[in-house]
């Protein structure tokens, strides 16, 4: 896969470069064809890599609810979004909440690029929109985040 990286609120300076570089290398080694309805297979593939490298299973953001983020490792939250664009707002709120509660100090967000998302279906979350809207919400979403966009080589 091809990787595109964006840093929100100095995410690239806060998330250890070792973690980012390792994750990007692992993602680059995935051979995956972005096609209609391939979202579930992509998630499974990436989650398998994460689990093998010490990332947790889903983590509840609060004991009072079943709201979760995709993973956590060394106080870095991670969300993987390969589904509907409307869900990415919830991901950002969950990460921001965990940040404000000092459960995490930074985050990694993985999503397809626009080209990859269009191959997967309609209304799929994609990197370019996440970046554009994070700029709009920069005073609301204050957690340092590294956003990783993925697409075919």
Protein backbone atom coordinates (compact mmCIF):
# COMPACT_ATOMS: atom_id res chain seq x y z
CA UNK A 1 0.00 0.00 0.00
CA UNK A 2 0.93 3.59 -0.46
CA UNK A 3 0.93 5.78 2.68
CA UNK A 4 0.13 9.48 3.05
CA UNK A 5 0.75 11.14 6.43
CA UNK A 6 -0.72 14.30 7.95
CA UNK A 7 -0.04 15.81 11.35
CA UNK A 8 -2.76 17.60 13.34
CA UNK A 9 -1.69 19.64 16.37
CA UNK A 10 1.94 18.50 16.04
CA UNK A 11 0.96 14.84 16.10
CA UNK A 12 4.14 13.85 14.28
CA UNK A 13 6.17 15.45 17.07
CA UNK A 14 4.14 13.89 19.89
CA UNK A 15 3.51 10.35 18.64
CA UNK A 16 6.87 8.57 18.84
CA UNK A 17 8.38 8.33 15.36
CA UNK A 18 9.30 4.71 16.06
CA UNK A 19 5.60 3.85 16.39
CA UNK A 20 4.60 5.82 13.29
CA UNK A 21 7.44 4.48 11.14
CA UNK A 22 6.85 0.88 12.22
CA UNK A 23 3.11 1.12 11.57
CA UNK A 24 3.62 2.77 8.18
CA UNK A 25 6.13 0.09 7.16
CA UNK A 26 3.69 -2.65 8.14
CA UNK A 27 0.89 -0.96 6.19
CA UNK A 28 3.11 -0.47 3.14
CA UNK A 29 3.76 -4.21 3.06
CA UNK A 30 0.06 -5.05 2.73
CA UNK A 31 -1.02 -6.11 -0.73
CA UNK A 32 -4.65 -5.08 -0.98
CA UNK A 33 -7.02 -4.26 -3.82
CA UNK A 34 -9.50 -1.53 -2.93
CA UNK A 35 -12.83 -2.67 -4.34
CA UNK A 36 -16.54 -2.28 -3.71
CA UNK A 37 -17.43 -3.75 -0.30
CA UNK A 38 -13.81 -4.53 0.62
CA UNK A 39 -13.97 -2.50 3.84
CA UNK A 40 -14.42 -5.47 6.19
CA UNK A 41 -11.48 -7.37 4.68
CA UNK A 42 -9.26 -4.27 4.92
CA UNK A 43 -10.18 -3.79 8.61
CA UNK A 44 -9.44 -7.44 9.40
CA UNK A 45 -6.08 -7.25 7.64
CA UNK A 46 -5.01 -4.10 9.49
CA UNK A 47 -6.33 -5.31 12.86
CA UNK A 48 -4.32 -8.53 12.50
CA UNK A 49 -1.16 -6.47 11.99
CA UNK A 50 -1.98 -4.24 14.96
CA UNK A 51 -2.62 -7.18 17.30
CA UNK A 52 0.62 -8.89 16.29
CA UNK A 53 2.47 -5.69 17.17
CA UNK A 54 1.12 -5.11 20.67
CA UNK A 55 -1.92 -2.96 19.96
CA UNK A 56 -4.98 -3.83 22.05
CA UNK A 57 -8.41 -4.95 20.98
CA UNK A 58 -11.18 -2.37 21.15
CA UNK A 59 -11.07 -0.21 24.27
CA UNK A 60 -14.06 1.35 26.01
CA UNK A 61 -13.68 5.07 26.49
CA UNK A 62 -15.77 4.87 29.67
CA UNK A 63 -16.84 2.11 32.05
CA UNK A 64 -20.35 3.57 31.90
CA UNK A 65 -20.85 2.84 28.19
CA UNK A 66 -19.98 0.53 25.33
CA UNK A 67 -18.45 3.33 23.24
CA UNK A 68 -15.03 2.20 21.99
CA UNK A 69 -11.98 3.18 19.98
CA UNK A 70 -10.20 0.68 17.77
CA UNK A 71 -7.05 0.22 19.84
CA UNK A 72 -4.53 1.64 22.29
CA UNK A 73 -0.83 1.12 22.91
CA UNK A 74 1.49 3.03 25.23
CA UNK A 75 -1.21 5.67 25.87
CA UNK A 76 -1.63 6.34 22.14
CA UNK A 77 -5.19 5.94 20.91
CA UNK A 78 -5.86 4.52 17.48
CA UNK A 79 -8.95 4.64 15.30
CA UNK A 80 -9.29 2.81 12.02
CA UNK A 81 -12.13 4.12 9.89
CA UNK A 82 -12.98 2.39 6.63
CA UNK A 83 -16.73 2.92 6.83
CA UNK A 84 -19.25 5.72 6.48
CA UNK A 85 -17.89 9.27 6.62
CA UNK A 86 -20.38 10.22 9.33
CA UNK A 87 -18.63 7.86 11.79
CA UNK A 88 -15.34 9.73 11.71
CA UNK A 89 -16.82 12.59 13.74
CA UNK A 90 -17.61 10.14 16.54
CA UNK A 91 -14.05 8.80 16.36
CA UNK A 92 -12.62 12.29 16.82
CA UNK A 93 -14.91 12.98 19.78
CA UNK A 94 -13.92 9.69 21.41
CA UNK A 95 -10.21 10.41 20.98
CA UNK A 96 -10.63 13.97 22.25
CA UNK A 97 -12.54 12.73 25.31
CA UNK A 98 -9.83 10.21 26.17
CA UNK A 99 -7.22 12.94 25.70
CA UNK A 100 -9.01 15.36 28.03
CA UNK A 101 -9.38 12.60 30.61
CA UNK A 102 -5.62 11.92 30.30
CA UNK A 103 -6.15 8.31 29.24
CA UNK A 104 -4.16 8.97 26.06
CA UNK A 105 -1.76 11.75 25.11
CA UNK A 106 -1.96 11.43 21.33
CA UNK A 107 -3.58 9.41 18.57
CA UNK A 108 -3.18 7.75 15.21
CA UNK A 109 -6.08 7.78 12.76
CA UNK A 110 -6.04 5.46 9.76
CA UNK A 111 -8.42 5.91 6.82
CA UNK A 112 -8.34 5.45 3.03
CA UNK A 113 -7.46 8.31 0.71
CA UNK A 114 -10.23 9.75 -1.46
CA UNK A 115 -9.26 7.60 -4.45
CA UNK A 116 -9.23 4.42 -2.36
CA UNK A 117 -12.52 5.29 -0.63
CA UNK A 118 -14.26 5.87 -3.97
CA UNK A 119 -13.26 2.37 -5.05
CA UNK A 120 -14.73 0.95 -1.83
CA UNK A 121 -18.18 2.53 -2.14
CA UNK A 122 -20.26 5.62 -1.43
CA UNK A 123 -19.80 7.90 1.59
CA UNK A 124 -16.66 6.15 2.83
CA UNK A 125 -14.43 8.19 5.19
CA UNK A 126 -11.32 9.50 3.49
CA UNK A 127 -8.10 11.28 4.38
CA UNK A 128 -8.56 14.52 2.48
CA UNK A 129 -11.93 15.28 4.08
CA UNK A 130 -10.67 14.40 7.55
CA UNK A 131 -7.74 16.80 7.07
CA UNK A 132 -9.95 19.59 5.73
CA UNK A 133 -12.44 19.31 8.57
CA UNK A 134 -9.83 18.92 11.30
CA UNK A 135 -8.55 22.32 10.24
CA UNK A 136 -12.04 23.74 10.72
CA UNK A 137 -12.32 22.10 14.17
CA UNK A 138 -8.72 22.81 15.25
CA UNK A 139 -9.90 24.64 18.39
CA UNK A 140 -12.25 21.79 19.32
CA UNK A 141 -10.17 18.73 18.46
CA UNK A 142 -6.95 19.55 20.30
CA UNK A 143 -5.44 16.10 20.65
CA UNK A 144 -2.23 15.65 18.65
CA UNK A 145 -3.07 13.19 15.87
CA UNK A 146 -1.14 11.54 13.08
CA UNK A 147 -3.54 10.78 10.25
CA UNK A 148 -2.44 8.00 7.93
CA UNK A 149 -4.09 7.69 4.55
CA UNK A 150 -3.85 4.39 2.73
CA UNK A 151 -4.31 3.56 -0.95
CA UNK A 152 -3.17 1.09 -3.57
CA UNK A 153 0.44 1.28 -4.72
